[in-house]
Amino acid sequence: LKELSYTAFDTETTGLDPSAGDEIISVGAVRIVNGRVLAGEIFDQLVDPRRPVPAASTKIHGIRTEMLDGQPAIAPVLAMFHGFCEDTVLIGHNAAFDMRFLQIKEQATSIRFTQPVLDTLLLSAALHGDLESHVLEAIAERFGINVVGRHTAVGDAILTGESFLKMIPLLAGRGIVTLRQA
C-alpha cells in the first residue's frame, strides 16, 4: 500500500439519487504519491448539470445554479478526470456513492473508471469497528487532521487522502499491506 499511487476524489451533486436524475456538479481530486498528498496535483472542476441545483443541496455544499452557468458539461469533465486519475488507485469516502454517479454516465460518455477503489469509510469501520461514527469529520478528528473546505469536492478529496495515509500504518499493523488485502 505504501508504494502505490493514488487519487483521492470526491463529487458534489444536485442530490442523492443519480438514477432519479441527480447530477454531478463538482469533481475534486488530489494525487497521492510516495505517502504524500501532492498539493500541486489537484483536479477541481465545476460541472453544468443542465438543471437547477436544489436549495437543500446548496445548503450542504454552497454551489448555486448560477455558479455553474458556463461550466463544461459532464462528458468533458469526466474525460479530464479520467486522464488525471489514470494508472492510480481511487480512494473515496463512501466511495460507492460517488462511483454510482460515475457508472451512471458510462453509457452516455463511454468513459469507464475500472481502476481499483478503496473506501475510507469501510477501512475506518474495519480499523475502528468499536467506534460509532465513521463520517469524514470523525475520522479526521481521530487522526488529528485539520478539517478545511468540508463539503467541497476538492476539500473532501484532500481530507480523504490525508485520512487514508494515516490508515496505512494501522492497516500494516493488522497485516494488511497490499491492495488485495485492503
N, C-alpha and C. Protein backbone atom coordinates (compact mmCIF):
# COMPACT_ATOMS: atom_id res chain seq x y z
N LEU A 1 0.82 -1.20 0.00
CA LEU A 1 0.00 0.00 0.00
C LEU A 1 0.86 1.27 0.00
N LYS A 2 2.01 1.20 0.68
CA LYS A 2 2.85 2.39 0.77
C LYS A 2 3.45 2.79 -0.58
N GLU A 3 3.59 1.85 -1.48
CA GLU A 3 4.30 2.12 -2.73
C GLU A 3 3.40 2.47 -3.90
N LEU A 4 2.10 2.42 -3.73
CA LEU A 4 1.17 2.69 -4.83
C LEU A 4 0.90 4.18 -4.99
N SER A 5 0.44 4.54 -6.18
CA SER A 5 -0.02 5.91 -6.44
C SER A 5 -1.54 5.91 -6.37
N TYR A 6 -2.07 6.95 -5.77
CA TYR A 6 -3.50 7.04 -5.53
C TYR A 6 -4.06 8.36 -6.04
N THR A 7 -5.36 8.37 -6.24
CA THR A 7 -6.10 9.61 -6.46
C THR A 7 -7.27 9.60 -5.49
N ALA A 8 -7.21 10.49 -4.50
CA ALA A 8 -8.34 10.66 -3.59
C ALA A 8 -9.30 11.62 -4.28
N PHE A 9 -10.59 11.27 -4.29
CA PHE A 9 -11.53 12.08 -5.05
C PHE A 9 -12.86 12.21 -4.32
N ASP A 10 -13.64 13.18 -4.77
CA ASP A 10 -14.98 13.39 -4.23
C ASP A 10 -15.80 14.12 -5.29
N THR A 11 -17.11 13.97 -5.18
CA THR A 11 -18.02 14.72 -6.04
C THR A 11 -19.02 15.46 -5.17
N GLU A 12 -19.53 16.55 -5.71
CA GLU A 12 -20.70 17.21 -5.15
C GLU A 12 -21.79 17.06 -6.19
N THR A 13 -23.04 16.92 -5.73
CA THR A 13 -24.13 16.58 -6.64
C THR A 13 -25.37 17.42 -6.35
N THR A 14 -26.32 17.34 -7.28
CA THR A 14 -27.59 18.05 -7.09
C THR A 14 -28.48 17.34 -6.08
N GLY A 15 -28.17 16.10 -5.76
CA GLY A 15 -28.97 15.31 -4.82
C GLY A 15 -28.33 13.95 -4.63
N LEU A 16 -29.08 13.05 -4.06
CA LEU A 16 -28.52 11.76 -3.65
C LEU A 16 -28.82 10.59 -4.57
N ASP A 17 -29.61 10.80 -5.62
CA ASP A 17 -30.07 9.67 -6.42
C ASP A 17 -29.82 9.87 -7.91
N PRO A 18 -28.70 9.35 -8.43
CA PRO A 18 -28.41 9.54 -9.84
C PRO A 18 -29.41 8.85 -10.77
N SER A 19 -30.02 7.78 -10.31
CA SER A 19 -31.00 7.10 -11.16
C SER A 19 -32.29 7.89 -11.28
N ALA A 20 -32.49 8.87 -10.39
CA ALA A 20 -33.68 9.73 -10.46
C ALA A 20 -33.35 11.07 -11.12
N GLY A 21 -32.16 11.19 -11.70
CA GLY A 21 -31.81 12.39 -12.43
C GLY A 21 -30.86 13.34 -11.73
N ASP A 22 -30.44 13.02 -10.51
CA ASP A 22 -29.46 13.89 -9.86
C ASP A 22 -28.14 13.82 -10.62
N GLU A 23 -27.42 14.93 -10.61
CA GLU A 23 -26.22 15.07 -11.43
C GLU A 23 -25.01 15.52 -10.61
N ILE A 24 -23.84 15.20 -11.12
CA ILE A 24 -22.59 15.70 -10.56
C ILE A 24 -22.46 17.18 -10.92
N ILE A 25 -22.09 18.01 -9.93
CA ILE A 25 -21.87 19.42 -10.21
C ILE A 25 -20.45 19.87 -9.87
N SER A 26 -19.67 18.98 -9.25
CA SER A 26 -18.28 19.30 -8.95
C SER A 26 -17.51 18.01 -8.78
N VAL A 27 -16.30 17.98 -9.33
CA VAL A 27 -15.39 16.85 -9.15
C VAL A 27 -14.08 17.42 -8.61
N GLY A 28 -13.63 16.84 -7.52
CA GLY A 28 -12.35 17.27 -6.94
C GLY A 28 -11.49 16.06 -6.65
N ALA A 29 -10.20 16.21 -6.82
CA ALA A 29 -9.29 15.09 -6.58
C ALA A 29 -7.89 15.61 -6.29
N VAL A 30 -7.12 14.79 -5.62
CA VAL A 30 -5.72 15.09 -5.34
C VAL A 30 -4.92 13.80 -5.49
N ARG A 31 -3.74 13.94 -6.03
CA ARG A 31 -2.88 12.77 -6.22
C ARG A 31 -2.06 12.52 -4.95
N ILE A 32 -1.85 11.23 -4.68
CA ILE A 32 -1.03 10.80 -3.54
C ILE A 32 0.06 9.89 -4.08
N VAL A 33 1.31 10.30 -3.85
CA VAL A 33 2.46 9.53 -4.33
C VAL A 33 3.50 9.49 -3.21
N ASN A 34 4.14 8.34 -3.05
CA ASN A 34 5.19 8.17 -2.03
C ASN A 34 4.72 8.57 -0.65
N GLY A 35 3.48 8.25 -0.32
CA GLY A 35 2.97 8.52 1.01
C GLY A 35 2.69 9.97 1.30
N ARG A 36 2.54 10.79 0.24
CA ARG A 36 2.29 12.23 0.44
C ARG A 36 1.16 12.71 -0.45
N VAL A 37 0.32 13.56 0.12
CA VAL A 37 -0.69 14.26 -0.67
C VAL A 37 0.05 15.36 -1.43
N LEU A 38 -0.06 15.36 -2.75
CA LEU A 38 0.65 16.34 -3.57
C LEU A 38 -0.26 17.55 -3.81
N ALA A 39 -0.05 18.58 -3.00
CA ALA A 39 -0.91 19.77 -3.06
C ALA A 39 -0.88 20.44 -4.43
N GLY A 40 0.17 20.21 -5.20
CA GLY A 40 0.28 20.82 -6.52
C GLY A 40 -0.39 20.01 -7.62
N GLU A 41 -0.87 18.82 -7.28
CA GLU A 41 -1.52 17.97 -8.29
C GLU A 41 -2.97 17.75 -7.90
N ILE A 42 -3.77 18.76 -8.24
CA ILE A 42 -5.18 18.79 -7.85
C ILE A 42 -6.05 18.89 -9.10
N PHE A 43 -7.17 18.21 -9.05
CA PHE A 43 -8.21 18.34 -10.07
C PHE A 43 -9.40 18.98 -9.38
N ASP A 44 -9.89 20.08 -9.91
CA ASP A 44 -11.00 20.80 -9.28
C ASP A 44 -11.83 21.43 -10.38
N GLN A 45 -13.02 20.86 -10.64
CA GLN A 45 -13.81 21.35 -11.76
C GLN A 45 -15.30 21.35 -11.43
N LEU A 46 -15.93 22.48 -11.65
CA LEU A 46 -17.39 22.56 -11.57
C LEU A 46 -17.97 22.01 -12.86
N VAL A 47 -19.24 21.57 -12.80
CA VAL A 47 -19.91 20.94 -13.93
C VAL A 47 -21.30 21.57 -14.07
N ASP A 48 -21.67 21.91 -15.29
CA ASP A 48 -23.02 22.40 -15.55
C ASP A 48 -23.95 21.19 -15.67
N PRO A 49 -24.87 21.01 -14.72
CA PRO A 49 -25.74 19.83 -14.76
C PRO A 49 -26.93 20.00 -15.71
N ARG A 50 -27.05 21.18 -16.29
CA ARG A 50 -28.15 21.48 -17.20
C ARG A 50 -29.51 21.35 -16.50
N ARG A 51 -29.50 21.67 -15.21
CA ARG A 51 -30.72 21.70 -14.41
C ARG A 51 -30.44 22.52 -13.15
N PRO A 52 -31.46 23.03 -12.50
CA PRO A 52 -31.22 23.82 -11.28
C PRO A 52 -30.67 22.96 -10.14
N VAL A 53 -29.91 23.61 -9.28
CA VAL A 53 -29.41 22.95 -8.07
C VAL A 53 -30.44 23.22 -6.97
N PRO A 54 -31.00 22.18 -6.38
CA PRO A 54 -31.98 22.38 -5.32
C PRO A 54 -31.39 23.12 -4.12
N ALA A 55 -32.20 23.95 -3.50
CA ALA A 55 -31.75 24.74 -2.34
C ALA A 55 -31.22 23.84 -1.23
N ALA A 56 -31.84 22.68 -1.03
CA ALA A 56 -31.38 21.77 0.02
C ALA A 56 -29.95 21.29 -0.23
N SER A 57 -29.61 21.08 -1.49
CA SER A 57 -28.24 20.67 -1.83
C SER A 57 -27.27 21.83 -1.67
N THR A 58 -27.69 23.01 -2.10
CA THR A 58 -26.84 24.20 -1.96
C THR A 58 -26.50 24.46 -0.50
N LYS A 59 -27.43 24.19 0.42
CA LYS A 59 -27.17 24.37 1.85
C LYS A 59 -25.99 23.53 2.31
N ILE A 60 -25.79 22.37 1.69
CA ILE A 60 -24.70 21.47 2.09
C ILE A 60 -23.37 21.90 1.49
N HIS A 61 -23.32 22.09 0.17
CA HIS A 61 -22.04 22.33 -0.49
C HIS A 61 -21.82 23.77 -0.95
N GLY A 62 -22.85 24.60 -0.89
CA GLY A 62 -22.69 26.02 -1.23
C GLY A 62 -22.67 26.32 -2.71
N ILE A 63 -22.90 25.33 -3.56
CA ILE A 63 -22.86 25.55 -5.01
C ILE A 63 -24.27 25.92 -5.48
N ARG A 64 -24.37 27.10 -6.10
CA ARG A 64 -25.65 27.59 -6.61
C ARG A 64 -25.71 27.43 -8.13
N THR A 65 -26.90 27.35 -8.65
CA THR A 65 -27.12 27.14 -10.09
C THR A 65 -26.33 28.16 -10.92
N GLU A 66 -26.37 29.42 -10.53
CA GLU A 66 -25.70 30.46 -11.33
C GLU A 66 -24.18 30.30 -11.35
N MET A 67 -23.62 29.62 -10.37
CA MET A 67 -22.17 29.37 -10.35
C MET A 67 -21.77 28.37 -11.44
N LEU A 68 -22.74 27.60 -11.93
CA LEU A 68 -22.45 26.54 -12.88
C LEU A 68 -22.68 26.95 -14.32
N ASP A 69 -23.32 28.10 -14.52
CA ASP A 69 -23.53 28.61 -15.88
C ASP A 69 -22.19 28.83 -16.55
N GLY A 70 -22.03 28.28 -17.74
CA GLY A 70 -20.78 28.44 -18.49
C GLY A 70 -19.73 27.40 -18.16
N GLN A 71 -19.98 26.55 -17.18
CA GLN A 71 -19.05 25.46 -16.86
C GLN A 71 -19.25 24.33 -17.88
N PRO A 72 -18.25 23.49 -18.05
CA PRO A 72 -18.41 22.39 -19.01
C PRO A 72 -19.45 21.37 -18.54
N ALA A 73 -19.98 20.63 -19.51
CA ALA A 73 -20.90 19.53 -19.21
C ALA A 73 -20.11 18.37 -18.62
N ILE A 74 -20.82 17.34 -18.21
CA ILE A 74 -20.18 16.21 -17.52
C ILE A 74 -19.22 15.43 -18.41
N ALA A 75 -19.52 15.23 -19.69
CA ALA A 75 -18.67 14.38 -20.54
C ALA A 75 -17.23 14.89 -20.62
N PRO A 76 -16.97 16.15 -20.95
CA PRO A 76 -15.57 16.58 -20.99
C PRO A 76 -14.91 16.60 -19.61
N VAL A 77 -15.68 16.86 -18.57
CA VAL A 77 -15.10 16.84 -17.22
C VAL A 77 -14.68 15.42 -16.85
N LEU A 78 -15.53 14.45 -17.14
CA LEU A 78 -15.16 13.06 -16.83
C LEU A 78 -13.97 12.61 -17.66
N ALA A 79 -13.87 13.07 -18.90
CA ALA A 79 -12.70 12.73 -19.73
C ALA A 79 -11.42 13.30 -19.10
N MET A 80 -11.48 14.54 -18.64
CA MET A 80 -10.31 15.16 -17.99
C MET A 80 -9.98 14.44 -16.68
N PHE A 81 -11.00 14.14 -15.90
CA PHE A 81 -10.79 13.47 -14.62
C PHE A 81 -10.22 12.06 -14.85
N HIS A 82 -10.72 11.37 -15.85
CA HIS A 82 -10.21 10.03 -16.17
C HIS A 82 -8.72 10.10 -16.48
N GLY A 83 -8.33 11.09 -17.27
CA GLY A 83 -6.91 11.26 -17.57
C GLY A 83 -6.09 11.58 -16.33
N PHE A 84 -6.66 12.37 -15.42
CA PHE A 84 -5.96 12.76 -14.20
C PHE A 84 -5.69 11.55 -13.30
N CYS A 85 -6.67 10.65 -13.20
CA CYS A 85 -6.55 9.55 -12.24
C CYS A 85 -6.13 8.22 -12.87
N GLU A 86 -5.85 8.24 -14.16
CA GLU A 86 -5.44 7.03 -14.85
C GLU A 86 -4.21 6.43 -14.17
N ASP A 87 -4.14 5.12 -14.12
CA ASP A 87 -3.00 4.40 -13.54
C ASP A 87 -2.80 4.67 -12.05
N THR A 88 -3.88 5.02 -11.34
CA THR A 88 -3.80 5.16 -9.89
C THR A 88 -4.95 4.36 -9.28
N VAL A 89 -4.85 4.13 -8.01
CA VAL A 89 -5.93 3.54 -7.23
C VAL A 89 -6.81 4.69 -6.76
N LEU A 90 -8.11 4.58 -6.95
CA LEU A 90 -9.02 5.62 -6.48
C LEU A 90 -9.31 5.41 -5.00
N ILE A 91 -9.39 6.53 -4.27
CA ILE A 91 -9.76 6.50 -2.86
C ILE A 91 -10.91 7.47 -2.67
N GLY A 92 -11.98 6.98 -2.08
CA GLY A 92 -13.11 7.85 -1.78
C GLY A 92 -13.64 7.56 -0.40
N HIS A 93 -14.38 8.51 0.13
CA HIS A 93 -15.08 8.28 1.39
C HIS A 93 -16.53 8.01 1.04
N ASN A 94 -17.02 6.85 1.43
CA ASN A 94 -18.32 6.36 0.96
C ASN A 94 -18.28 6.33 -0.57
N ALA A 95 -17.24 5.69 -1.07
CA ALA A 95 -16.92 5.68 -2.49
C ALA A 95 -18.05 5.12 -3.36
N ALA A 96 -18.86 4.24 -2.82
CA ALA A 96 -19.95 3.67 -3.61
C ALA A 96 -20.90 4.77 -4.11
N PHE A 97 -21.10 5.79 -3.30
CA PHE A 97 -21.96 6.91 -3.70
C PHE A 97 -21.40 7.60 -4.94
N ASP A 98 -20.14 8.00 -4.87
CA ASP A 98 -19.51 8.71 -6.00
C ASP A 98 -19.38 7.81 -7.22
N MET A 99 -19.01 6.55 -7.00
CA MET A 99 -18.84 5.63 -8.12
C MET A 99 -20.16 5.38 -8.84
N ARG A 100 -21.26 5.39 -8.11
CA ARG A 100 -22.56 5.19 -8.74
C ARG A 100 -22.85 6.32 -9.72
N PHE A 101 -22.53 7.55 -9.34
CA PHE A 101 -22.73 8.68 -10.25
C PHE A 101 -21.85 8.52 -11.49
N LEU A 102 -20.61 8.06 -11.32
CA LEU A 102 -19.71 7.87 -12.46
C LEU A 102 -20.23 6.73 -13.35
N GLN A 103 -20.67 5.65 -12.75
CA GLN A 103 -21.14 4.50 -13.51
C GLN A 103 -22.39 4.82 -14.32
N ILE A 104 -23.26 5.65 -13.77
CA ILE A 104 -24.50 6.03 -14.50
C ILE A 104 -24.13 6.75 -15.80
N LYS A 105 -22.99 7.41 -15.83
CA LYS A 105 -22.58 8.19 -17.01
C LYS A 105 -21.78 7.37 -18.02
N GLU A 106 -21.46 6.13 -17.70
CA GLU A 106 -20.62 5.32 -18.60
C GLU A 106 -21.21 5.18 -19.99
N GLN A 107 -22.46 4.86 -20.09
CA GLN A 107 -23.05 4.63 -21.41
C GLN A 107 -23.06 5.91 -22.24
N ALA A 108 -23.42 7.01 -21.64
CA ALA A 108 -23.52 8.28 -22.37
C ALA A 108 -22.15 8.84 -22.76
N THR A 109 -21.13 8.57 -21.95
CA THR A 109 -19.81 9.18 -22.19
C THR A 109 -18.77 8.20 -22.72
N SER A 110 -19.02 6.90 -22.62
CA SER A 110 -18.04 5.86 -22.96
C SER A 110 -16.79 5.93 -22.09
N ILE A 111 -16.90 6.56 -20.93
CA ILE A 111 -15.77 6.67 -20.01
C ILE A 111 -16.03 5.72 -18.84
N ARG A 112 -15.08 4.80 -18.66
CA ARG A 112 -15.20 3.82 -17.57
C ARG A 112 -14.05 3.99 -16.59
N PHE A 113 -14.40 3.98 -15.34
CA PHE A 113 -13.40 4.02 -14.28
C PHE A 113 -13.25 2.60 -13.77
N THR A 114 -12.23 1.91 -14.27
CA THR A 114 -12.06 0.49 -13.99
C THR A 114 -10.96 0.21 -12.97
N GLN A 115 -10.29 1.25 -12.50
CA GLN A 115 -9.20 1.02 -11.56
C GLN A 115 -9.76 0.61 -10.19
N PRO A 116 -8.91 0.01 -9.37
CA PRO A 116 -9.34 -0.38 -8.02
C PRO A 116 -9.79 0.85 -7.22
N VAL A 117 -10.71 0.61 -6.28
CA VAL A 117 -11.23 1.69 -5.44
C VAL A 117 -11.15 1.24 -3.99
N LEU A 118 -10.60 2.09 -3.15
CA LEU A 118 -10.60 1.86 -1.70
C LEU A 118 -11.51 2.91 -1.07
N ASP A 119 -12.18 2.51 -0.01
CA ASP A 119 -13.16 3.38 0.64
C ASP A 119 -12.72 3.63 2.09
N THR A 120 -12.46 4.89 2.42
CA THR A 120 -12.01 5.22 3.77
C THR A 120 -13.12 4.98 4.81
N LEU A 121 -14.37 5.04 4.40
CA LEU A 121 -15.46 4.71 5.31
C LEU A 121 -15.37 3.25 5.74
N LEU A 122 -15.21 2.36 4.77
CA LEU A 122 -15.11 0.93 5.07
C LEU A 122 -13.81 0.59 5.80
N LEU A 123 -12.72 1.24 5.41
CA LEU A 123 -11.44 1.00 6.09
C LEU A 123 -11.51 1.46 7.53
N SER A 124 -12.16 2.59 7.78
CA SER A 124 -12.33 3.09 9.14
C SER A 124 -13.15 2.10 9.98
N ALA A 125 -14.22 1.58 9.39
CA ALA A 125 -15.05 0.61 10.10
C ALA A 125 -14.25 -0.66 10.42
N ALA A 126 -13.37 -1.07 9.50
CA ALA A 126 -12.54 -2.25 9.75
C ALA A 126 -11.50 -1.97 10.84
N LEU A 127 -10.94 -0.77 10.84
CA LEU A 127 -9.91 -0.43 11.82
C LEU A 127 -10.49 -0.06 13.18
N HIS A 128 -11.61 0.60 13.18
CA HIS A 128 -12.20 1.13 14.41
C HIS A 128 -13.66 0.70 14.53
N GLY A 129 -13.92 -0.58 14.37
CA GLY A 129 -15.28 -1.09 14.40
C GLY A 129 -16.01 -0.84 15.70
N ASP A 130 -15.26 -0.60 16.77
CA ASP A 130 -15.87 -0.37 18.07
C ASP A 130 -16.39 1.07 18.22
N LEU A 131 -16.02 1.94 17.29
CA LEU A 131 -16.46 3.33 17.37
C LEU A 131 -17.74 3.52 16.58
N GLU A 132 -18.56 4.46 17.04
CA GLU A 132 -19.87 4.67 16.41
C GLU A 132 -19.79 5.36 15.07
N SER A 133 -18.96 6.38 14.97
CA SER A 133 -19.00 7.23 13.78
C SER A 133 -17.80 7.01 12.87
N HIS A 134 -18.12 6.92 11.58
CA HIS A 134 -17.08 6.80 10.57
C HIS A 134 -17.26 7.88 9.50
N VAL A 135 -17.94 8.97 9.88
CA VAL A 135 -18.06 10.10 8.96
C VAL A 135 -16.68 10.74 8.83
N LEU A 136 -16.48 11.47 7.77
CA LEU A 136 -15.15 12.02 7.47
C LEU A 136 -14.64 12.91 8.61
N GLU A 137 -15.50 13.73 9.19
CA GLU A 137 -15.07 14.59 10.29
C GLU A 137 -14.58 13.79 11.49
N ALA A 138 -15.28 12.70 11.80
CA ALA A 138 -14.89 11.87 12.94
C ALA A 138 -13.54 11.20 12.69
N ILE A 139 -13.33 10.73 11.48
CA ILE A 139 -12.05 10.11 11.13
C ILE A 139 -10.93 11.14 11.24
N ALA A 140 -11.16 12.32 10.69
CA ALA A 140 -10.16 13.39 10.76
C ALA A 140 -9.83 13.73 12.21
N GLU A 141 -10.84 13.81 13.04
CA GLU A 141 -10.61 14.13 14.46
C GLU A 141 -9.77 13.04 15.13
N ARG A 142 -10.08 11.76 14.84
CA ARG A 142 -9.30 10.67 15.41
C ARG A 142 -7.82 10.77 15.05
N PHE A 143 -7.56 11.22 13.83
CA PHE A 143 -6.18 11.28 13.34
C PHE A 143 -5.53 12.65 13.53
N GLY A 144 -6.25 13.60 14.12
CA GLY A 144 -5.70 14.93 14.35
C GLY A 144 -5.49 15.73 13.06
N ILE A 145 -6.36 15.49 12.09
CA ILE A 145 -6.27 16.19 10.81
C ILE A 145 -7.17 17.42 10.85
N ASN A 146 -6.62 18.56 10.45
CA ASN A 146 -7.38 19.80 10.40
C ASN A 146 -8.38 19.74 9.24
N VAL A 147 -9.64 20.01 9.52
CA VAL A 147 -10.69 19.96 8.51
C VAL A 147 -10.83 21.33 7.86
N VAL A 148 -10.52 21.38 6.55
CA VAL A 148 -10.63 22.62 5.78
C VAL A 148 -11.40 22.31 4.50
N GLY A 149 -12.32 23.20 4.14
CA GLY A 149 -13.03 23.03 2.88
C GLY A 149 -14.01 21.88 2.87
N ARG A 150 -14.59 21.56 4.03
CA ARG A 150 -15.53 20.44 4.11
C ARG A 150 -16.73 20.71 3.22
N HIS A 151 -17.19 19.67 2.56
CA HIS A 151 -18.31 19.70 1.62
C HIS A 151 -18.00 20.50 0.36
N THR A 152 -16.71 20.62 0.05
CA THR A 152 -16.30 20.99 -1.31
C THR A 152 -15.62 19.74 -1.85
N ALA A 153 -15.74 19.50 -3.13
CA ALA A 153 -15.19 18.27 -3.69
C ALA A 153 -13.69 18.17 -3.44
N VAL A 154 -12.96 19.23 -3.72
CA VAL A 154 -11.51 19.13 -3.55
C VAL A 154 -11.13 19.12 -2.06
N GLY A 155 -11.84 19.85 -1.23
CA GLY A 155 -11.56 19.83 0.21
C GLY A 155 -11.78 18.44 0.80
N ASP A 156 -12.90 17.81 0.42
CA ASP A 156 -13.18 16.46 0.91
C ASP A 156 -12.20 15.44 0.32
N ALA A 157 -11.76 15.66 -0.90
CA ALA A 157 -10.76 14.75 -1.51
C ALA A 157 -9.45 14.82 -0.73
N ILE A 158 -9.01 16.01 -0.40
CA ILE A 158 -7.77 16.16 0.37
C ILE A 158 -7.91 15.53 1.74
N LEU A 159 -9.02 15.78 2.41
CA LEU A 159 -9.27 15.20 3.73
C LEU A 159 -9.31 13.67 3.65
N THR A 160 -9.93 13.14 2.62
CA THR A 160 -9.98 11.69 2.41
C THR A 160 -8.57 11.14 2.21
N GLY A 161 -7.78 11.82 1.38
CA GLY A 161 -6.41 11.38 1.13
C GLY A 161 -5.55 11.40 2.38
N GLU A 162 -5.66 12.48 3.15
CA GLU A 162 -4.88 12.57 4.40
C GLU A 162 -5.31 11.49 5.39
N SER A 163 -6.60 11.24 5.46
CA SER A 163 -7.11 10.18 6.35
C SER A 163 -6.58 8.82 5.93
N PHE A 164 -6.62 8.56 4.62
CA PHE A 164 -6.12 7.28 4.12
C PHE A 164 -4.64 7.09 4.48
N LEU A 165 -3.84 8.11 4.33
CA LEU A 165 -2.42 7.98 4.65
C LEU A 165 -2.22 7.64 6.12
N LYS A 166 -3.06 8.17 7.00
CA LYS A 166 -2.96 7.84 8.43
C LYS A 166 -3.40 6.40 8.70
N MET A 167 -4.23 5.86 7.81
CA MET A 167 -4.71 4.49 7.99
C MET A 167 -3.67 3.44 7.58
N ILE A 168 -2.79 3.79 6.66
CA ILE A 168 -1.84 2.80 6.13
C ILE A 168 -1.03 2.11 7.23
N PRO A 169 -0.43 2.85 8.19
CA PRO A 169 0.32 2.14 9.24
C PRO A 169 -0.57 1.27 10.13
N LEU A 170 -1.80 1.71 10.37
CA LEU A 170 -2.72 0.91 11.18
C LEU A 170 -3.11 -0.37 10.46
N LEU A 171 -3.32 -0.25 9.15
CA LEU A 171 -3.61 -1.44 8.35
C LEU A 171 -2.41 -2.39 8.37
N ALA A 172 -1.21 -1.83 8.21
CA ALA A 172 0.00 -2.66 8.23
C ALA A 172 0.13 -3.38 9.56
N GLY A 173 -0.25 -2.70 10.65
CA GLY A 173 -0.21 -3.32 11.97
C GLY A 173 -1.14 -4.52 12.09
N ARG A 174 -2.10 -4.60 11.21
CA ARG A 174 -3.03 -5.73 11.19
C ARG A 174 -2.68 -6.71 10.06
N GLY A 175 -1.51 -6.52 9.46
CA GLY A 175 -1.07 -7.42 8.41
C GLY A 175 -1.65 -7.11 7.05
N ILE A 176 -2.28 -5.95 6.91
CA ILE A 176 -2.87 -5.54 5.64
C ILE A 176 -1.89 -4.58 4.96
N VAL A 177 -1.12 -5.12 4.01
CA VAL A 177 -0.06 -4.31 3.41
C VAL A 177 -0.16 -4.23 1.89
N THR A 178 -1.07 -5.01 1.30
CA THR A 178 -1.23 -4.98 -0.16
C THR A 178 -2.62 -4.46 -0.53
N LEU A 179 -2.75 -4.06 -1.77
CA LEU A 179 -4.04 -3.58 -2.26
C LEU A 179 -5.08 -4.69 -2.16
N ARG A 180 -4.71 -5.89 -2.55
CA ARG A 180 -5.66 -7.02 -2.48
C ARG A 180 -6.14 -7.23 -1.06
N GLN A 181 -5.23 -7.17 -0.09
CA GLN A 181 -5.63 -7.36 1.30
C GLN A 181 -6.57 -6.25 1.77
N ALA A 182 -6.28 -5.02 1.33
CA ALA A 182 -7.12 -3.88 1.74
C ALA A 182 -8.50 -4.01 1.13
